[in-house]
Protein backbone atom coordinates (compact mmCIF):
# COMPACT_ATOMS: atom_id res chain seq x y z
CA MET A 1 -8.41 22.27 7.56
CA THR A 2 -10.82 24.64 5.82
CA LEU A 3 -13.44 23.30 3.43
CA ARG A 4 -11.70 25.01 0.49
CA ARG A 5 -8.29 23.51 1.35
CA HIS A 6 -9.86 20.06 1.78
CA SER A 7 -11.56 20.36 -1.62
CA LEU A 8 -8.32 21.46 -3.29
CA LEU A 9 -6.39 18.59 -1.68
CA SER A 10 -9.02 16.08 -2.83
CA LYS A 11 -8.76 17.40 -6.40
CA ASN A 12 -4.96 17.18 -6.30
CA VAL A 13 -5.09 13.61 -5.02
CA ALA A 14 -7.68 12.73 -7.68
CA ARG A 15 -5.32 14.14 -10.34
CA ALA A 16 -2.41 12.08 -9.01
CA LEU A 17 -4.55 8.95 -8.85
CA ARG A 18 -5.85 9.53 -12.38
CA GLN A 19 -2.28 9.66 -13.70
CA ARG A 20 -1.40 6.53 -11.75
CA LEU A 21 -4.39 4.64 -13.16
CA ARG A 22 -3.29 5.50 -16.69
CA ARG A 23 0.23 4.21 -15.96
CA GLU A 24 -0.49 1.11 -13.90
CA TYR A 25 -4.07 -0.02 -14.62
CA GLN A 26 -4.35 0.01 -18.40
CA LYS A 27 -6.03 -3.40 -18.26
CA GLY A 28 -8.22 -2.55 -15.28
CA GLY A 29 -8.05 -4.25 -11.89
CA ARG A 30 -8.98 -3.65 -8.28
CA LEU A 31 -7.60 -0.72 -6.30
CA PRO A 32 -6.15 -1.06 -2.79
CA SER A 33 -8.42 -0.13 0.11
CA GLU A 34 -9.10 3.52 1.01
CA LEU A 35 -6.92 3.10 4.12
CA GLU A 36 -3.98 1.76 2.10
CA ILE A 37 -4.24 4.57 -0.45
CA ALA A 38 -4.53 7.18 2.33
CA GLN A 39 -1.37 5.84 3.99
CA GLU A 40 0.48 5.82 0.66
CA TYR A 41 -0.41 9.45 -0.11
CA GLY A 42 -0.16 10.68 3.48
CA VAL A 43 -3.70 12.08 3.65
CA SER A 44 -6.88 11.24 5.53
CA ARG A 45 -9.38 8.58 4.47
CA GLY A 46 -11.91 11.38 3.99
CA THR A 47 -9.66 13.02 1.41
CA ILE A 48 -9.22 9.71 -0.41
CA ARG A 49 -12.96 9.07 -0.29
CA ASP A 50 -13.62 12.46 -1.90
CA ALA A 51 -10.88 11.91 -4.52
CA LEU A 52 -12.34 8.51 -5.43
CA ALA A 53 -15.80 10.09 -5.67
CA ILE A 54 -14.40 12.50 -8.28
CA LEU A 55 -12.96 9.60 -10.29
CA GLU A 56 -16.20 7.65 -9.94
CA ARG A 57 -18.22 10.57 -11.33
CA GLU A 58 -15.83 10.67 -14.29
CA GLY A 59 -16.37 6.95 -14.87
CA ALA A 60 -12.69 6.09 -14.28
CA ILE A 61 -13.56 3.72 -11.42
CA PHE A 62 -16.60 1.79 -10.24
CA ARG A 63 -17.52 0.07 -7.00
CA ARG A 64 -18.81 -3.45 -6.46
CA GLN A 65 -20.70 -3.93 -3.25
CA GLY A 66 -18.73 -6.17 -0.90
CA SER A 67 -15.89 -6.59 -3.38
CA GLY A 68 -14.04 -3.28 -3.70
CA THR A 69 -13.23 -0.47 -6.11
CA TYR A 70 -12.24 -1.32 -9.69
CA VAL A 71 -10.66 0.60 -12.55
CA ASN A 72 -12.71 1.11 -15.71
CA GLN A 73 -10.03 0.50 -18.33
CA TYR A 74 -12.30 1.79 -21.11
CA ALA A 75 -12.62 5.23 -19.54
CA LEU A 76 -8.94 5.78 -18.71
CA ASN A 77 -8.16 7.65 -21.91
CA ILE A 78 -11.02 10.13 -21.61
CA GLN A 79 -9.29 13.51 -21.55
CA ALA A 80 -12.24 15.48 -20.17
CA SER A 81 -15.81 14.71 -19.24
CA ILE A 82 -18.23 17.17 -20.77
CA GLU A 83 -20.31 17.11 -17.57
CA SER A 84 -17.45 18.53 -15.45
CA ALA A 85 -16.25 22.12 -15.05
CA TYR A 86 -12.46 22.45 -15.29
CA GLU A 87 -9.88 25.15 -14.89
CA PHE A 88 -8.49 25.42 -18.42
CA SER A 89 -4.87 24.96 -17.35
CA ASP A 90 -5.85 21.74 -15.57
CA LEU A 91 -7.66 20.58 -18.69
CA ILE A 92 -4.54 21.10 -20.80
CA ARG A 93 -2.31 19.35 -18.24
CA GLN A 94 -4.71 16.38 -18.11
CA ALA A 95 -4.31 16.09 -21.89
CA GLY A 96 -0.55 15.68 -21.35
CA TYR A 97 0.71 19.17 -22.28
CA HIS A 98 2.55 21.92 -20.45
CA ALA A 99 0.03 24.68 -19.75
CA GLU A 100 0.59 28.44 -19.87
CA ILE A 101 -1.70 31.48 -19.82
CA ARG A 102 -1.15 34.35 -22.28
CA PRO A 103 -3.15 37.41 -21.16
CA LEU A 104 -4.55 39.49 -24.02
CA THR A 105 -6.79 42.38 -22.92
CA VAL A 106 -8.83 43.60 -19.93
CA GLU A 107 -11.50 46.21 -20.67
CA ARG A 108 -14.54 47.73 -18.98
CA GLN A 109 -17.55 47.73 -21.29
CA PRO A 110 -21.34 47.76 -21.05
CA LEU A 111 -23.03 44.36 -21.14
CA PRO A 112 -24.75 43.48 -24.43
CA ALA A 113 -28.46 42.90 -23.91
CA ASP A 114 -28.35 39.12 -24.51
CA ILE A 115 -25.52 38.53 -22.02
CA ALA A 116 -27.04 40.95 -19.48
CA ALA A 117 -30.22 38.86 -19.58
CA ARG A 118 -28.28 35.65 -18.90
CA LEU A 119 -26.52 37.33 -15.95
CA GLU A 120 -29.80 38.83 -14.70
CA ARG A 121 -28.40 42.36 -14.99
CA PRO A 122 -29.88 45.47 -16.63
CA PRO A 123 -28.70 46.00 -20.23
CA ALA A 124 -25.56 48.12 -20.53
CA SER A 125 -24.47 47.34 -16.94
CA ASP A 126 -20.74 47.80 -16.42
CA ALA A 127 -18.59 44.66 -16.72
CA LEU A 128 -15.01 43.51 -17.04
CA PHE A 129 -14.18 41.83 -20.35
CA VAL A 130 -11.11 39.62 -19.85
CA ARG A 131 -9.52 37.87 -22.84
CA LYS A 132 -6.90 35.13 -22.50
CA LEU A 133 -5.21 32.43 -24.52
CA PHE A 134 -4.35 29.12 -22.89
CA LEU A 135 -1.32 27.43 -24.43
CA ALA A 136 -0.49 23.74 -24.73
CA ASP A 137 3.27 23.22 -25.12
CA GLY A 138 3.46 26.82 -26.31
CA ASN A 139 0.67 26.49 -28.91
CA PRO A 140 -2.71 28.24 -28.65
CA ALA A 141 -5.29 25.65 -27.56
CA ILE A 142 -8.11 27.60 -25.86
CA TYR A 143 -9.28 31.18 -26.31
CA CYS A 144 -11.51 32.53 -23.56
CA LEU A 145 -13.53 35.69 -23.06
CA ASP A 146 -14.75 36.10 -19.45
CA ILE A 147 -17.38 38.74 -18.72
CA LEU A 148 -17.67 39.64 -15.03
CA PRO A 149 -20.12 42.29 -13.75
CA THR A 150 -18.12 44.96 -11.91
CA ASP A 151 -20.70 45.22 -9.12
CA LEU A 152 -19.42 41.84 -7.87
CA VAL A 153 -15.88 43.12 -7.25
CA ARG A 154 -15.51 43.84 -3.52
CA GLU A 155 -11.77 44.41 -3.10
CA PRO A 156 -9.18 46.63 -4.84
CA TYR A 157 -7.02 44.68 -7.27
CA GLN A 158 -4.10 45.01 -9.62
CA PRO A 159 -4.83 44.48 -13.34
CA GLU A 160 -2.37 41.59 -13.52
CA GLU A 161 -4.53 39.63 -11.04
CA LEU A 162 -6.97 39.12 -13.89
CA HIS A 163 -4.25 37.23 -15.78
CA ALA A 164 -4.75 34.29 -13.40
CA PRO A 165 -7.70 31.86 -13.72
CA ILE A 166 -10.90 33.89 -13.34
CA PHE A 167 -12.31 31.62 -10.62
CA ASP A 168 -9.30 32.48 -8.41
CA PHE A 169 -9.94 36.21 -8.90
CA MET A 170 -13.62 35.75 -8.08
CA ARG A 171 -12.84 33.93 -4.84
CA GLN A 172 -10.24 36.47 -3.73
CA ARG A 173 -11.73 39.79 -4.90
CA CYS A 174 -15.44 39.09 -5.31
CA TYR A 175 -16.02 36.57 -2.49
CA GLN A 176 -17.77 34.37 -5.04
CA THR A 177 -17.34 30.61 -5.32
CA VAL A 178 -18.58 28.99 -8.50
CA THR A 179 -20.39 25.71 -7.89
CA LEU A 180 -22.20 25.13 -11.18
CA VAL A 181 -21.56 25.96 -14.84
CA LEU A 182 -24.29 25.76 -17.49
CA ALA A 183 -22.82 25.49 -21.00
CA ASP A 184 -24.29 25.71 -24.49
CA ILE A 185 -22.09 23.84 -27.00
CA ILE A 186 -21.98 25.42 -30.45
CA PRO A 187 -20.10 24.05 -33.48
CA ARG A 188 -18.13 26.76 -35.27
CA VAL A 189 -15.55 27.28 -37.95
CA MET A 190 -12.59 29.63 -37.68
CA ASP A 191 -13.16 33.15 -38.95
CA GLY A 192 -10.28 35.54 -39.53
CA GLU A 193 -9.94 36.78 -35.93
CA LEU A 194 -10.17 33.32 -34.35
CA ALA A 195 -7.83 31.84 -36.94
CA GLU A 196 -5.22 34.46 -36.11
CA LEU A 197 -5.59 34.01 -32.35
CA LEU A 198 -5.52 30.21 -32.47
CA GLU A 199 -2.98 30.04 -35.30
CA SER A 200 -5.21 27.84 -37.42
CA PRO A 201 -6.54 27.96 -41.00
CA VAL A 202 -9.72 29.91 -41.70
CA GLY A 203 -12.62 27.47 -41.99
CA GLN A 204 -11.21 24.85 -39.59
CA ALA A 205 -13.76 23.40 -37.19
CA LEU A 206 -13.76 24.25 -33.47
CA LEU A 207 -16.08 24.12 -30.50
CA GLN A 208 -17.59 27.21 -28.87
CA PHE A 209 -18.90 26.92 -25.32
CA ASP A 210 -21.15 29.72 -24.02
CA GLU A 211 -21.09 29.28 -20.24
CA VAL A 212 -22.92 30.85 -17.33
CA SER A 213 -21.34 30.24 -13.92
CA PHE A 214 -23.48 30.18 -10.77
CA ASN A 215 -22.46 30.83 -7.16
CA THR A 216 -23.40 29.00 -3.97
CA LEU A 217 -26.77 30.83 -3.92
CA ASN A 218 -27.48 29.65 -7.48
CA LYS A 219 -27.13 33.19 -8.84
CA PRO A 220 -25.40 33.83 -12.20
CA VAL A 221 -22.09 35.60 -11.66
CA LEU A 222 -20.00 35.10 -14.82
CA PHE A 223 -20.46 34.65 -18.54
CA SER A 224 -17.68 32.98 -20.52
CA ARG A 225 -17.30 32.35 -24.24
CA VAL A 226 -14.68 29.68 -24.80
CA TYR A 227 -13.22 28.37 -28.05
CA TYR A 228 -11.47 24.99 -28.11
CA ARG A 229 -9.02 24.26 -30.92
CA ASP A 230 -9.22 20.67 -32.09
CA GLY A 231 -6.20 18.48 -31.48
CA TYR A 232 -5.44 19.57 -27.92
CA VAL A 233 -8.61 19.09 -25.88
CA ARG A 234 -11.19 16.44 -26.64
CA PHE A 235 -14.40 16.04 -24.60
CA SER A 236 -16.19 12.74 -24.06
CA VAL A 237 -19.49 11.67 -22.57
CA LEU A 238 -19.75 8.47 -20.53
CA ARG A 239 -23.45 7.58 -20.55
CA LYS A 240 -24.94 5.12 -18.08
CA LYS A 241 -27.99 3.06 -19.00
CA MET A 242 -30.91 3.93 -16.77
């Protein structure tokens, strides 16, 4: 199994386990052993170990030396950890909604100077500007503008390929894997354009994330400006005392 397939399988198992914890462990409790869980899900112990590591980073479980792995009942209802990078459709599904993507526009434009600096590109370098809405049960929940320098695109592509999650396009057409996302979190209120896109009243509060994604060589490869409509996605921080 390739490293990418193993990682995807671990994430899928972590998602299934997360849903199970919310159903069956609302008051906490100890999980079965890694071997028992692996046999139940029909995967290797290594996959289960990686899936449990994901849940442990989220705070959903904790380990007691010599005793086992326990469910943190107080963290089960956290929709999304602000320290983690998510595909937006996964984020909406984790919140309990049916997720859809509504493509808006794809344009080639020069990079504004401030974004070019964050991507370590010369000002006015050519880039793809990809705008999408992510829907939760048919309602606009997230509006995203992805800005991808065109010099990263290595393979011919069809425009509709950019309607999929941008990280998929980057893996397939740019040979770029994102491993780290640095986000600035900015409180905003809806202006006319955002209110129309997100079908919300002008002046309503929302969160804006300005994100720079980095590849395996720690080079910036993508700038994203993301707007989260309140009521569908809520971020939490689980802080550990040092």
